[in-house]
N, C-alpha and C. Protein backbone atom coordinates (compact mmCIF):
# COMPACT_ATOMS: atom_id res chain seq x y z
N UNK A 1 -58.75 -222.04 95.29
CA UNK A 1 -58.37 -220.65 95.00
C UNK A 1 -57.15 -220.64 94.10
N UNK A 2 -57.25 -219.84 93.06
CA UNK A 2 -56.12 -219.78 92.14
C UNK A 2 -55.06 -218.85 92.66
N UNK A 3 -53.83 -219.12 92.33
CA UNK A 3 -52.72 -218.27 92.72
C UNK A 3 -52.25 -217.57 91.47
N UNK A 4 -52.17 -216.26 91.51
CA UNK A 4 -51.90 -215.51 90.29
C UNK A 4 -50.61 -214.74 90.42
N UNK A 5 -49.75 -214.84 89.43
CA UNK A 5 -48.52 -214.08 89.40
C UNK A 5 -47.47 -214.70 90.29
N UNK A 6 -46.37 -214.03 90.40
CA UNK A 6 -45.26 -214.48 91.24
C UNK A 6 -44.92 -213.39 92.22
N UNK A 7 -45.01 -213.68 93.53
CA UNK A 7 -44.68 -212.70 94.54
C UNK A 7 -43.17 -212.48 94.57
N UNK A 8 -42.75 -211.22 94.68
CA UNK A 8 -41.32 -210.94 94.75
C UNK A 8 -41.08 -209.99 95.90
N UNK A 9 -40.30 -210.44 96.88
CA UNK A 9 -39.97 -209.60 98.02
C UNK A 9 -38.61 -208.97 97.79
N UNK A 10 -38.58 -207.65 97.80
CA UNK A 10 -37.32 -206.91 97.70
C UNK A 10 -37.28 -205.95 98.88
N UNK A 11 -36.41 -206.20 99.81
CA UNK A 11 -36.33 -205.48 101.07
C UNK A 11 -37.63 -205.70 101.85
N UNK A 12 -38.65 -204.84 101.66
CA UNK A 12 -39.89 -205.01 102.42
C UNK A 12 -41.12 -204.96 101.53
N UNK A 13 -40.99 -205.10 100.24
CA UNK A 13 -42.15 -204.94 99.35
C UNK A 13 -42.34 -206.18 98.51
N UNK A 14 -43.61 -206.40 98.12
CA UNK A 14 -43.93 -207.53 97.25
C UNK A 14 -44.99 -207.09 96.27
N UNK A 15 -44.91 -207.57 95.05
CA UNK A 15 -45.89 -207.20 94.03
C UNK A 15 -46.28 -208.42 93.23
N UNK A 16 -47.54 -208.45 92.80
CA UNK A 16 -48.02 -209.52 91.93
C UNK A 16 -48.59 -208.88 90.68
N UNK A 17 -48.14 -209.32 89.52
CA UNK A 17 -48.63 -208.81 88.25
C UNK A 17 -49.26 -209.94 87.45
N UNK A 18 -50.38 -209.63 86.80
CA UNK A 18 -51.11 -210.63 86.08
C UNK A 18 -51.50 -210.07 84.71
N UNK A 19 -51.96 -210.93 83.80
CA UNK A 19 -52.24 -210.54 82.42
C UNK A 19 -53.45 -209.65 82.26
N UNK A 20 -53.81 -209.35 81.02
CA UNK A 20 -54.84 -208.39 80.66
C UNK A 20 -56.08 -209.10 80.16
N UNK A 21 -57.26 -208.64 80.60
CA UNK A 21 -58.51 -209.17 80.10
C UNK A 21 -59.26 -208.05 79.41
N UNK A 22 -59.74 -208.27 78.20
CA UNK A 22 -60.53 -207.29 77.47
C UNK A 22 -61.89 -207.91 77.18
N UNK A 23 -62.94 -207.54 77.92
CA UNK A 23 -64.24 -208.15 77.70
C UNK A 23 -64.85 -207.71 76.37
N UNK A 24 -65.40 -208.63 75.58
CA UNK A 24 -66.00 -208.24 74.31
C UNK A 24 -67.31 -207.52 74.52
N UNK A 25 -67.60 -206.58 73.63
CA UNK A 25 -68.89 -205.92 73.62
C UNK A 25 -69.13 -204.96 74.74
N UNK A 26 -68.05 -204.48 75.41
CA UNK A 26 -68.25 -203.61 76.57
C UNK A 26 -68.95 -202.32 76.21
N UNK A 27 -68.82 -201.88 74.97
CA UNK A 27 -69.42 -200.60 74.57
C UNK A 27 -70.89 -200.76 74.23
N UNK A 28 -71.41 -202.01 74.09
CA UNK A 28 -72.76 -202.21 73.60
C UNK A 28 -73.76 -202.55 74.70
N UNK A 29 -73.36 -203.22 75.74
CA UNK A 29 -74.26 -203.63 76.81
C UNK A 29 -73.47 -203.90 78.06
N UNK A 30 -74.20 -204.09 79.18
CA UNK A 30 -73.51 -204.42 80.42
C UNK A 30 -72.74 -205.73 80.25
N UNK A 31 -71.51 -205.73 80.74
CA UNK A 31 -70.66 -206.92 80.66
C UNK A 31 -70.16 -207.23 82.07
N UNK A 32 -70.38 -208.44 82.54
CA UNK A 32 -69.87 -208.87 83.84
C UNK A 32 -68.51 -209.51 83.63
N UNK A 33 -67.51 -208.98 84.34
CA UNK A 33 -66.14 -209.48 84.21
C UNK A 33 -65.73 -210.13 85.53
N UNK A 34 -65.78 -211.46 85.63
CA UNK A 34 -65.26 -212.13 86.83
C UNK A 34 -63.74 -212.11 86.80
N UNK A 35 -63.13 -211.81 87.93
CA UNK A 35 -61.68 -211.68 88.00
C UNK A 35 -61.10 -212.71 88.96
N UNK A 36 -59.92 -213.23 88.65
CA UNK A 36 -59.36 -214.33 89.45
C UNK A 36 -58.93 -213.90 90.84
N UNK A 37 -58.90 -214.88 91.74
CA UNK A 37 -58.41 -214.64 93.09
C UNK A 37 -56.90 -214.40 93.07
N UNK A 38 -56.40 -213.74 94.10
CA UNK A 38 -54.97 -213.49 94.23
C UNK A 38 -54.49 -213.73 95.64
N UNK A 39 -53.20 -214.02 95.78
CA UNK A 39 -52.64 -214.33 97.10
C UNK A 39 -51.15 -213.99 97.11
N UNK A 40 -50.71 -213.36 98.18
CA UNK A 40 -49.28 -213.19 98.44
C UNK A 40 -49.03 -213.36 99.93
N UNK A 41 -47.81 -213.70 100.27
CA UNK A 41 -47.44 -213.77 101.68
C UNK A 41 -45.96 -213.49 101.82
N UNK A 42 -45.62 -212.96 102.99
CA UNK A 42 -44.24 -212.64 103.30
C UNK A 42 -44.10 -212.51 104.80
N UNK A 43 -43.02 -211.94 105.27
CA UNK A 43 -42.79 -211.84 106.73
C UNK A 43 -43.93 -211.10 107.44
N UNK A 44 -44.74 -211.83 108.19
CA UNK A 44 -45.78 -211.22 109.01
C UNK A 44 -47.00 -210.74 108.27
N UNK A 45 -47.12 -211.01 106.95
CA UNK A 45 -48.25 -210.51 106.17
C UNK A 45 -48.71 -211.57 105.18
N UNK A 46 -50.03 -211.78 105.13
CA UNK A 46 -50.67 -212.56 104.07
C UNK A 46 -51.85 -211.75 103.55
N UNK A 47 -51.99 -211.65 102.22
CA UNK A 47 -53.12 -210.94 101.61
C UNK A 47 -53.82 -211.87 100.64
N UNK A 48 -55.15 -211.94 100.74
CA UNK A 48 -55.96 -212.72 99.81
C UNK A 48 -57.06 -211.83 99.23
N UNK A 49 -57.20 -211.88 97.90
CA UNK A 49 -58.30 -211.20 97.22
C UNK A 49 -59.20 -212.26 96.61
N UNK A 50 -60.48 -212.20 96.95
CA UNK A 50 -61.43 -213.21 96.47
C UNK A 50 -62.70 -212.54 95.95
N UNK A 51 -63.32 -213.21 94.99
CA UNK A 51 -64.64 -212.78 94.52
C UNK A 51 -64.66 -211.44 93.82
N UNK A 52 -63.53 -210.99 93.27
CA UNK A 52 -63.53 -209.69 92.60
C UNK A 52 -64.28 -209.80 91.26
N UNK A 53 -65.05 -208.77 90.95
CA UNK A 53 -65.73 -208.71 89.65
C UNK A 53 -65.96 -207.24 89.30
N UNK A 54 -66.20 -207.01 88.02
CA UNK A 54 -66.55 -205.68 87.53
C UNK A 54 -67.71 -205.81 86.56
N UNK A 55 -68.63 -204.87 86.63
CA UNK A 55 -69.72 -204.78 85.66
C UNK A 55 -69.48 -203.52 84.85
N UNK A 56 -69.31 -203.67 83.55
CA UNK A 56 -68.97 -202.56 82.66
C UNK A 56 -70.21 -202.14 81.89
N UNK A 57 -70.49 -200.83 81.86
CA UNK A 57 -71.66 -200.31 81.17
C UNK A 57 -71.29 -199.15 80.27
N UNK A 58 -72.05 -198.93 79.19
CA UNK A 58 -71.86 -197.71 78.41
C UNK A 58 -72.18 -196.49 79.26
N UNK A 59 -71.51 -195.38 78.98
CA UNK A 59 -71.78 -194.16 79.72
C UNK A 59 -73.16 -193.63 79.38
N UNK A 60 -73.84 -193.07 80.39
CA UNK A 60 -75.14 -192.46 80.16
C UNK A 60 -75.04 -191.30 79.19
N UNK A 61 -73.86 -190.65 79.14
CA UNK A 61 -73.67 -189.50 78.24
C UNK A 61 -73.60 -189.93 76.78
N UNK A 62 -73.22 -191.18 76.52
CA UNK A 62 -73.15 -191.73 75.16
C UNK A 62 -72.32 -190.87 74.22
N UNK A 63 -71.21 -190.33 74.76
CA UNK A 63 -70.37 -189.45 73.95
C UNK A 63 -69.05 -190.09 73.56
N UNK A 64 -68.86 -191.36 73.89
CA UNK A 64 -67.64 -192.06 73.52
C UNK A 64 -66.47 -191.78 74.44
N UNK A 65 -66.60 -190.81 75.35
CA UNK A 65 -65.50 -190.44 76.24
C UNK A 65 -65.79 -190.79 77.69
N UNK A 66 -66.92 -191.43 77.93
CA UNK A 66 -67.30 -191.78 79.30
C UNK A 66 -67.27 -193.28 79.51
N UNK A 67 -67.01 -193.69 80.74
CA UNK A 67 -66.99 -195.10 81.11
C UNK A 67 -67.68 -195.23 82.47
N UNK A 68 -68.44 -196.30 82.65
CA UNK A 68 -69.08 -196.57 83.93
C UNK A 68 -68.86 -198.03 84.29
N UNK A 69 -68.47 -198.28 85.52
CA UNK A 69 -68.32 -199.65 85.98
C UNK A 69 -68.72 -199.72 87.45
N UNK A 70 -69.08 -200.93 87.88
CA UNK A 70 -69.37 -201.21 89.28
C UNK A 70 -68.43 -202.32 89.71
N UNK A 71 -67.67 -202.09 90.77
CA UNK A 71 -66.67 -203.07 91.18
C UNK A 71 -67.03 -203.66 92.54
N UNK A 72 -66.70 -204.95 92.70
CA UNK A 72 -66.96 -205.67 93.94
C UNK A 72 -65.75 -206.53 94.27
N UNK A 73 -65.56 -206.80 95.54
CA UNK A 73 -64.45 -207.66 95.93
C UNK A 73 -64.38 -207.87 97.42
N UNK A 74 -63.51 -208.77 97.82
CA UNK A 74 -63.30 -209.08 99.23
C UNK A 74 -61.81 -209.31 99.44
N UNK A 75 -61.19 -208.49 100.27
CA UNK A 75 -59.76 -208.58 100.54
C UNK A 75 -59.55 -208.84 102.02
N UNK A 76 -58.79 -209.89 102.34
CA UNK A 76 -58.50 -210.24 103.73
C UNK A 76 -57.00 -210.29 103.93
N UNK A 77 -56.54 -209.75 105.04
CA UNK A 77 -55.13 -209.84 105.39
C UNK A 77 -54.96 -210.45 106.77
N UNK A 78 -53.96 -211.29 106.91
CA UNK A 78 -53.53 -211.82 108.20
C UNK A 78 -52.19 -211.16 108.52
N UNK A 79 -52.10 -210.48 109.66
CA UNK A 79 -50.89 -209.72 109.97
C UNK A 79 -50.39 -210.01 111.36
N UNK A 80 -49.08 -209.86 111.51
CA UNK A 80 -48.44 -209.83 112.81
C UNK A 80 -47.86 -208.43 112.97
N UNK A 81 -48.43 -207.66 113.88
CA UNK A 81 -48.03 -206.26 114.03
C UNK A 81 -47.86 -205.94 115.50
N UNK A 82 -46.90 -205.08 115.83
CA UNK A 82 -46.75 -204.67 117.24
C UNK A 82 -48.01 -203.99 117.73
N UNK A 83 -48.65 -204.53 118.75
CA UNK A 83 -49.92 -203.99 119.24
C UNK A 83 -49.74 -202.56 119.75
N UNK A 84 -50.64 -201.68 119.29
CA UNK A 84 -50.69 -200.33 119.80
C UNK A 84 -49.59 -199.41 119.32
N UNK A 85 -48.74 -199.86 118.39
CA UNK A 85 -47.66 -199.02 117.91
C UNK A 85 -48.20 -197.96 116.95
N UNK A 86 -47.84 -196.71 117.18
CA UNK A 86 -48.24 -195.60 116.31
C UNK A 86 -46.98 -194.91 115.83
N UNK A 87 -46.88 -194.72 114.53
CA UNK A 87 -45.69 -194.11 113.95
C UNK A 87 -45.96 -192.73 113.40
N UNK A 88 -45.01 -192.15 112.70
CA UNK A 88 -45.17 -190.81 112.14
C UNK A 88 -46.18 -190.80 111.00
N UNK A 89 -46.87 -189.69 110.86
CA UNK A 89 -47.82 -189.53 109.77
C UNK A 89 -47.15 -188.71 108.67
N UNK A 90 -46.54 -189.39 107.71
CA UNK A 90 -45.86 -188.66 106.64
C UNK A 90 -46.44 -188.97 105.27
N UNK A 91 -47.67 -189.55 105.25
CA UNK A 91 -48.34 -189.80 103.99
C UNK A 91 -49.23 -188.62 103.62
N UNK A 92 -49.95 -188.71 102.47
CA UNK A 92 -50.85 -187.64 102.07
C UNK A 92 -51.92 -187.40 103.12
N UNK A 93 -52.28 -186.17 103.36
CA UNK A 93 -53.26 -185.83 104.37
C UNK A 93 -54.60 -186.50 104.08
N UNK A 94 -55.18 -187.13 105.10
CA UNK A 94 -56.47 -187.80 105.00
C UNK A 94 -56.50 -188.89 103.95
N UNK A 95 -55.34 -189.43 103.61
CA UNK A 95 -55.28 -190.46 102.58
C UNK A 95 -54.29 -191.52 102.98
N UNK A 96 -54.53 -192.22 104.08
CA UNK A 96 -53.53 -193.16 104.61
C UNK A 96 -53.29 -194.33 103.68
N UNK A 97 -52.03 -194.71 103.56
CA UNK A 97 -51.67 -195.92 102.85
C UNK A 97 -51.74 -195.83 101.34
N UNK A 98 -51.98 -194.66 100.79
CA UNK A 98 -52.19 -194.55 99.35
C UNK A 98 -50.90 -194.30 98.60
N UNK A 99 -51.01 -194.40 97.28
CA UNK A 99 -49.89 -194.15 96.38
C UNK A 99 -48.73 -195.10 96.67
N UNK A 100 -49.07 -196.21 97.35
CA UNK A 100 -48.09 -197.26 97.61
C UNK A 100 -46.90 -196.79 98.43
N UNK A 101 -47.07 -195.72 99.22
CA UNK A 101 -45.95 -195.25 100.04
C UNK A 101 -46.46 -194.41 101.20
N UNK A 102 -45.63 -194.31 102.22
CA UNK A 102 -45.91 -193.40 103.34
C UNK A 102 -46.64 -194.06 104.48
N UNK A 103 -46.09 -193.98 105.70
CA UNK A 103 -46.84 -194.40 106.87
C UNK A 103 -47.82 -193.31 107.26
N UNK A 104 -48.75 -193.63 108.14
CA UNK A 104 -49.85 -192.72 108.39
C UNK A 104 -50.29 -192.74 109.84
N UNK A 105 -49.43 -193.19 110.71
CA UNK A 105 -49.77 -193.19 112.13
C UNK A 105 -50.09 -194.55 112.69
N UNK A 106 -50.44 -195.53 111.87
CA UNK A 106 -50.74 -196.89 112.35
C UNK A 106 -50.59 -197.85 111.19
N UNK A 107 -50.39 -199.13 111.51
CA UNK A 107 -50.40 -200.14 110.45
C UNK A 107 -51.76 -200.11 109.76
N UNK A 108 -51.80 -200.44 108.45
CA UNK A 108 -52.99 -200.13 107.67
C UNK A 108 -53.15 -201.08 106.49
N UNK A 109 -54.43 -201.37 106.15
CA UNK A 109 -54.79 -202.04 104.90
C UNK A 109 -55.59 -201.07 104.06
N UNK A 110 -55.16 -200.85 102.81
CA UNK A 110 -55.88 -199.98 101.88
C UNK A 110 -56.19 -200.77 100.62
N UNK A 111 -57.44 -200.69 100.16
CA UNK A 111 -57.88 -201.37 98.95
C UNK A 111 -58.49 -200.36 97.99
N UNK A 112 -58.15 -200.45 96.72
CA UNK A 112 -58.70 -199.54 95.73
C UNK A 112 -58.37 -200.00 94.33
N UNK A 113 -58.37 -199.02 93.40
CA UNK A 113 -58.13 -199.34 92.00
C UNK A 113 -57.18 -198.33 91.37
N UNK A 114 -56.31 -198.84 90.53
CA UNK A 114 -55.51 -198.01 89.64
C UNK A 114 -56.29 -197.93 88.33
N UNK A 115 -56.54 -196.70 87.85
CA UNK A 115 -57.35 -196.50 86.65
C UNK A 115 -56.53 -195.70 85.65
N UNK A 116 -56.46 -196.15 84.41
CA UNK A 116 -55.66 -195.46 83.40
C UNK A 116 -56.42 -195.28 82.10
N UNK A 117 -56.12 -194.20 81.40
CA UNK A 117 -56.67 -193.94 80.07
C UNK A 117 -55.55 -194.06 79.04
N UNK A 118 -55.69 -195.01 78.13
CA UNK A 118 -54.67 -195.28 77.11
C UNK A 118 -53.30 -195.54 77.73
N UNK A 119 -53.30 -196.30 78.83
CA UNK A 119 -52.08 -196.70 79.52
C UNK A 119 -52.18 -198.19 79.79
N UNK A 120 -51.12 -198.94 79.49
CA UNK A 120 -51.09 -200.37 79.78
C UNK A 120 -50.72 -200.56 81.25
N UNK A 121 -51.68 -200.89 82.08
CA UNK A 121 -51.43 -200.97 83.52
C UNK A 121 -50.49 -202.12 83.87
N UNK A 122 -50.35 -203.11 82.99
CA UNK A 122 -49.42 -204.20 83.27
C UNK A 122 -47.97 -203.72 83.25
N UNK A 123 -47.73 -202.56 82.64
CA UNK A 123 -46.36 -202.05 82.53
C UNK A 123 -45.97 -201.14 83.69
N UNK A 124 -46.91 -200.86 84.60
CA UNK A 124 -46.62 -199.95 85.70
C UNK A 124 -45.89 -200.68 86.80
N UNK A 125 -44.87 -200.03 87.38
CA UNK A 125 -44.12 -200.63 88.47
C UNK A 125 -44.81 -200.32 89.80
N UNK A 126 -44.38 -201.04 90.84
CA UNK A 126 -44.97 -200.86 92.16
C UNK A 126 -44.72 -199.46 92.71
N UNK A 127 -43.70 -198.78 92.21
CA UNK A 127 -43.34 -197.47 92.76
C UNK A 127 -43.76 -196.31 91.85
N UNK A 128 -44.59 -196.61 90.83
CA UNK A 128 -45.05 -195.56 89.94
C UNK A 128 -45.88 -194.54 90.71
N UNK A 129 -45.66 -193.25 90.45
CA UNK A 129 -46.43 -192.20 91.12
C UNK A 129 -47.75 -191.99 90.39
N UNK A 130 -48.83 -191.85 91.15
CA UNK A 130 -50.14 -191.68 90.56
C UNK A 130 -50.80 -190.41 91.09
N UNK A 131 -51.76 -189.89 90.31
CA UNK A 131 -52.60 -188.80 90.78
C UNK A 131 -53.60 -189.36 91.78
N UNK A 132 -53.74 -188.72 92.93
CA UNK A 132 -54.59 -189.24 93.99
C UNK A 132 -56.03 -188.74 93.85
N UNK A 133 -56.97 -189.62 94.15
CA UNK A 133 -58.38 -189.27 94.22
C UNK A 133 -58.89 -189.59 95.61
N UNK A 134 -59.79 -188.77 96.12
CA UNK A 134 -60.27 -188.95 97.49
C UNK A 134 -61.05 -190.24 97.64
N UNK A 135 -61.01 -190.82 98.83
CA UNK A 135 -61.77 -192.03 99.12
C UNK A 135 -63.26 -191.74 99.07
N UNK A 136 -64.03 -192.51 98.29
CA UNK A 136 -65.46 -192.23 98.16
C UNK A 136 -66.25 -192.87 99.27
N UNK A 137 -67.50 -192.48 99.39
CA UNK A 137 -68.45 -193.25 100.20
C UNK A 137 -68.70 -194.57 99.49
N UNK A 138 -68.79 -195.67 100.25
CA UNK A 138 -69.03 -196.96 99.62
C UNK A 138 -70.39 -197.02 98.96
N UNK A 139 -71.30 -196.13 99.34
CA UNK A 139 -72.61 -196.10 98.69
C UNK A 139 -72.64 -195.09 97.55
N UNK A 140 -71.81 -194.06 97.63
CA UNK A 140 -71.84 -193.01 96.62
C UNK A 140 -70.90 -193.23 95.46
N UNK A 141 -69.85 -194.03 95.65
CA UNK A 141 -68.89 -194.26 94.58
C UNK A 141 -68.09 -193.02 94.26
N UNK A 142 -67.53 -192.98 93.06
CA UNK A 142 -66.72 -191.83 92.69
C UNK A 142 -66.76 -191.61 91.19
N UNK A 143 -66.51 -190.37 90.78
CA UNK A 143 -66.50 -189.97 89.38
C UNK A 143 -65.36 -188.98 89.20
N UNK A 144 -64.60 -189.13 88.10
CA UNK A 144 -63.47 -188.24 87.90
C UNK A 144 -63.10 -188.18 86.42
N UNK A 145 -62.54 -187.05 85.96
CA UNK A 145 -62.04 -186.96 84.60
C UNK A 145 -60.70 -187.67 84.47
N UNK A 146 -60.43 -188.22 83.29
CA UNK A 146 -59.19 -188.94 83.06
C UNK A 146 -58.74 -188.69 81.63
N UNK A 147 -57.65 -187.94 81.48
CA UNK A 147 -57.15 -187.60 80.15
C UNK A 147 -56.31 -188.74 79.59
N UNK A 148 -56.14 -188.82 78.26
CA UNK A 148 -55.29 -189.85 77.66
C UNK A 148 -53.88 -189.82 78.25
N UNK A 149 -53.37 -190.98 78.62
CA UNK A 149 -52.05 -191.09 79.22
C UNK A 149 -52.02 -190.87 80.71
N UNK A 150 -53.15 -190.55 81.32
CA UNK A 150 -53.21 -190.25 82.75
C UNK A 150 -53.59 -191.50 83.54
N UNK A 151 -53.08 -191.59 84.77
CA UNK A 151 -53.39 -192.69 85.68
C UNK A 151 -53.81 -192.11 87.02
N UNK A 152 -54.85 -192.67 87.61
CA UNK A 152 -55.27 -192.27 88.95
C UNK A 152 -55.29 -193.48 89.86
N UNK A 153 -54.91 -193.23 91.11
CA UNK A 153 -54.88 -194.25 92.15
C UNK A 153 -56.03 -193.91 93.09
N UNK A 154 -57.09 -194.73 93.09
CA UNK A 154 -58.32 -194.41 93.81
C UNK A 154 -58.55 -195.40 94.94
N UNK A 155 -58.57 -194.93 96.18
CA UNK A 155 -58.79 -195.80 97.33
C UNK A 155 -60.28 -195.97 97.59
N UNK A 156 -60.73 -197.21 97.72
CA UNK A 156 -62.13 -197.48 98.06
C UNK A 156 -62.33 -197.46 99.56
N UNK A 157 -61.40 -198.07 100.29
CA UNK A 157 -61.53 -198.09 101.75
C UNK A 157 -60.19 -198.43 102.37
N UNK A 158 -60.02 -198.07 103.64
CA UNK A 158 -58.82 -198.45 104.38
C UNK A 158 -59.17 -198.63 105.85
N UNK A 159 -58.44 -199.53 106.52
CA UNK A 159 -58.68 -199.79 107.93
C UNK A 159 -57.34 -199.88 108.65
N UNK A 160 -57.32 -199.44 109.90
CA UNK A 160 -56.12 -199.56 110.73
C UNK A 160 -55.99 -200.99 111.25
N UNK A 161 -54.76 -201.45 111.32
CA UNK A 161 -54.45 -202.77 111.84
C UNK A 161 -53.85 -202.58 113.24
N UNK A 162 -54.70 -202.52 114.23
CA UNK A 162 -54.27 -202.10 115.57
C UNK A 162 -53.60 -203.22 116.36
N UNK A 163 -53.79 -204.46 115.93
CA UNK A 163 -53.14 -205.59 116.60
C UNK A 163 -53.07 -206.76 115.63
N UNK A 164 -52.29 -207.76 115.98
CA UNK A 164 -52.17 -208.95 115.13
C UNK A 164 -53.52 -209.63 114.97
N UNK A 165 -53.75 -210.17 113.75
CA UNK A 165 -55.02 -210.86 113.51
C UNK A 165 -55.43 -210.79 112.07
N UNK A 166 -56.72 -211.02 111.82
CA UNK A 166 -57.30 -211.04 110.48
C UNK A 166 -58.19 -209.82 110.29
N UNK A 167 -58.08 -209.19 109.12
CA UNK A 167 -58.86 -207.99 108.79
C UNK A 167 -59.40 -208.14 107.37
N UNK A 168 -60.61 -207.61 107.15
CA UNK A 168 -61.26 -207.76 105.84
C UNK A 168 -61.86 -206.44 105.40
N UNK A 169 -61.69 -206.14 104.11
CA UNK A 169 -62.43 -205.06 103.44
C UNK A 169 -63.28 -205.72 102.36
N UNK A 170 -64.59 -205.54 102.48
CA UNK A 170 -65.54 -206.10 101.52
C UNK A 170 -66.32 -204.95 100.89
N UNK A 171 -66.46 -204.95 99.59
CA UNK A 171 -67.22 -203.90 98.91
C UNK A 171 -68.04 -204.52 97.78
N UNK A 172 -69.24 -203.97 97.56
CA UNK A 172 -70.16 -204.51 96.58
C UNK A 172 -70.69 -203.41 95.67
N UNK A 173 -70.50 -203.59 94.37
CA UNK A 173 -71.07 -202.71 93.35
C UNK A 173 -70.80 -201.23 93.63
N UNK A 174 -69.55 -200.91 93.90
CA UNK A 174 -69.16 -199.51 94.07
C UNK A 174 -69.03 -198.88 92.69
N UNK A 175 -69.80 -197.83 92.38
CA UNK A 175 -69.77 -197.24 91.04
C UNK A 175 -68.50 -196.42 90.81
N UNK A 176 -67.97 -196.55 89.61
CA UNK A 176 -66.77 -195.81 89.21
C UNK A 176 -67.03 -195.26 87.82
N UNK A 177 -67.13 -193.94 87.71
CA UNK A 177 -67.44 -193.30 86.44
C UNK A 177 -66.24 -192.48 85.97
N UNK A 178 -65.82 -192.71 84.76
CA UNK A 178 -64.68 -192.00 84.17
C UNK A 178 -65.19 -191.13 83.03
N UNK A 179 -64.77 -189.88 83.01
CA UNK A 179 -65.16 -188.96 81.94
C UNK A 179 -63.91 -188.40 81.26
N UNK A 180 -64.02 -188.12 79.97
CA UNK A 180 -62.95 -187.44 79.24
C UNK A 180 -61.93 -188.37 78.61
N UNK A 181 -62.10 -189.69 78.72
CA UNK A 181 -61.15 -190.63 78.14
C UNK A 181 -61.67 -191.08 76.78
N UNK A 182 -61.11 -190.52 75.73
CA UNK A 182 -61.56 -190.85 74.38
C UNK A 182 -60.98 -192.17 73.89
N UNK A 183 -59.88 -192.65 74.52
CA UNK A 183 -59.27 -193.91 74.13
C UNK A 183 -59.73 -195.03 75.05
N UNK A 184 -58.99 -196.13 75.02
CA UNK A 184 -59.35 -197.26 75.88
C UNK A 184 -59.00 -196.94 77.34
N UNK A 185 -59.75 -197.52 78.25
CA UNK A 185 -59.51 -197.33 79.69
C UNK A 185 -59.35 -198.69 80.33
N UNK A 186 -58.48 -198.76 81.34
CA UNK A 186 -58.24 -199.98 82.09
C UNK A 186 -58.27 -199.68 83.58
N UNK A 187 -58.49 -200.72 84.37
CA UNK A 187 -58.41 -200.60 85.82
C UNK A 187 -57.87 -201.91 86.38
N UNK A 188 -57.30 -201.85 87.57
CA UNK A 188 -56.88 -203.06 88.28
C UNK A 188 -56.90 -202.80 89.78
N UNK A 189 -57.29 -203.80 90.52
CA UNK A 189 -57.36 -203.69 91.97
C UNK A 189 -55.96 -203.65 92.58
N UNK A 190 -55.81 -202.89 93.68
CA UNK A 190 -54.60 -202.97 94.48
C UNK A 190 -55.00 -203.15 95.95
N UNK A 191 -54.18 -203.88 96.69
CA UNK A 191 -54.34 -204.04 98.13
C UNK A 191 -52.98 -203.84 98.76
N UNK A 192 -52.87 -202.83 99.63
CA UNK A 192 -51.59 -202.47 100.24
C UNK A 192 -51.69 -202.66 101.75
N UNK A 193 -50.75 -203.41 102.32
CA UNK A 193 -50.64 -203.53 103.77
C UNK A 193 -49.32 -202.90 104.19
N UNK A 194 -49.38 -202.00 105.16
CA UNK A 194 -48.19 -201.37 105.72
C UNK A 194 -48.13 -201.69 107.22
N UNK A 195 -47.02 -202.25 107.65
CA UNK A 195 -46.81 -202.57 109.06
C UNK A 195 -45.70 -201.69 109.60
N UNK A 196 -45.99 -200.97 110.68
CA UNK A 196 -44.98 -200.10 111.27
C UNK A 196 -44.59 -200.64 112.64
N UNK A 197 -43.46 -200.19 113.12
CA UNK A 197 -42.90 -200.63 114.39
C UNK A 197 -41.40 -200.42 114.33
N UNK A 198 -40.63 -201.30 114.94
CA UNK A 198 -39.18 -201.19 114.83
C UNK A 198 -38.73 -201.35 113.39
N UNK A 199 -39.45 -202.18 112.63
CA UNK A 199 -39.18 -202.36 111.21
C UNK A 199 -40.43 -202.03 110.42
N UNK A 200 -40.23 -201.43 109.25
CA UNK A 200 -41.35 -201.07 108.37
C UNK A 200 -41.45 -202.13 107.27
N UNK A 201 -42.64 -202.71 107.12
CA UNK A 201 -42.86 -203.75 106.11
C UNK A 201 -44.10 -203.38 105.29
N UNK A 202 -43.99 -203.56 103.99
CA UNK A 202 -45.12 -203.27 103.10
C UNK A 202 -45.30 -204.41 102.12
N UNK A 203 -46.55 -204.78 101.88
CA UNK A 203 -46.88 -205.78 100.86
C UNK A 203 -47.96 -205.20 99.96
N UNK A 204 -47.83 -205.42 98.64
CA UNK A 204 -48.81 -204.94 97.68
C UNK A 204 -49.26 -206.09 96.79
N UNK A 205 -50.56 -206.34 96.75
CA UNK A 205 -51.14 -207.34 95.87
C UNK A 205 -51.91 -206.63 94.76
N UNK A 206 -51.55 -206.93 93.51
CA UNK A 206 -52.26 -206.36 92.36
C UNK A 206 -53.21 -207.41 91.78
N UNK A 207 -54.42 -206.97 91.41
CA UNK A 207 -55.36 -207.83 90.72
C UNK A 207 -55.11 -207.82 89.22
N UNK A 208 -55.92 -208.57 88.51
CA UNK A 208 -55.79 -208.64 87.06
C UNK A 208 -56.36 -207.39 86.41
N UNK A 209 -55.64 -206.76 85.50
CA UNK A 209 -56.19 -205.60 84.79
C UNK A 209 -57.41 -206.00 83.95
N UNK A 210 -58.35 -205.08 83.82
CA UNK A 210 -59.51 -205.34 82.98
C UNK A 210 -59.86 -204.06 82.22
N UNK A 211 -60.50 -204.24 81.07
CA UNK A 211 -60.87 -203.11 80.23
C UNK A 211 -62.18 -202.50 80.70
N UNK A 212 -62.25 -201.18 80.67
CA UNK A 212 -63.50 -200.47 80.94
C UNK A 212 -64.08 -199.94 79.62
N UNK A 213 -63.55 -200.41 78.51
CA UNK A 213 -64.07 -200.03 77.20
C UNK A 213 -63.16 -199.06 76.50
């Protein structure tokens, strides 16, 4: 397993940043983009991302402003968390663990994608504020408009970490359709673990950015 980026712990947060991949011919035919594995670890938290890939396709609308991709991946976390501890719910309603901030009543793993139109995602900091999109059905995927310069933080799935142990979120070919982006579009995976208790600890693992055309 390859190790990507350099983990940096500042107080209770860690981030991994990796370079940019632009697949050739994304506008002409389906392109399979295999993405490297990632790993971070810190006090009481280990996160591993394996087998991530994206399939990029031309939009069915063929208007130059649409993007379609199918994303797959497997994220596992090993955590040490106070069993049964429930904290305050001060995050976005029905959106636990998102936007890289806010507890939500229990320790949590959230996996999703940051998607941008004409924005270099490698330049975004761990604390950048994003427009939130609702968590989709794993079978239905999600579709949303994205204007030039706009970024959305889209959660694919999240699970509560009710006790110490190993937890996994696995997803296969989840469709992601972007409309209204006339420029280039990028996406990158994020995995956020939040541990609550006497001390609050958060770890964030970022995947490699990839072009959606």
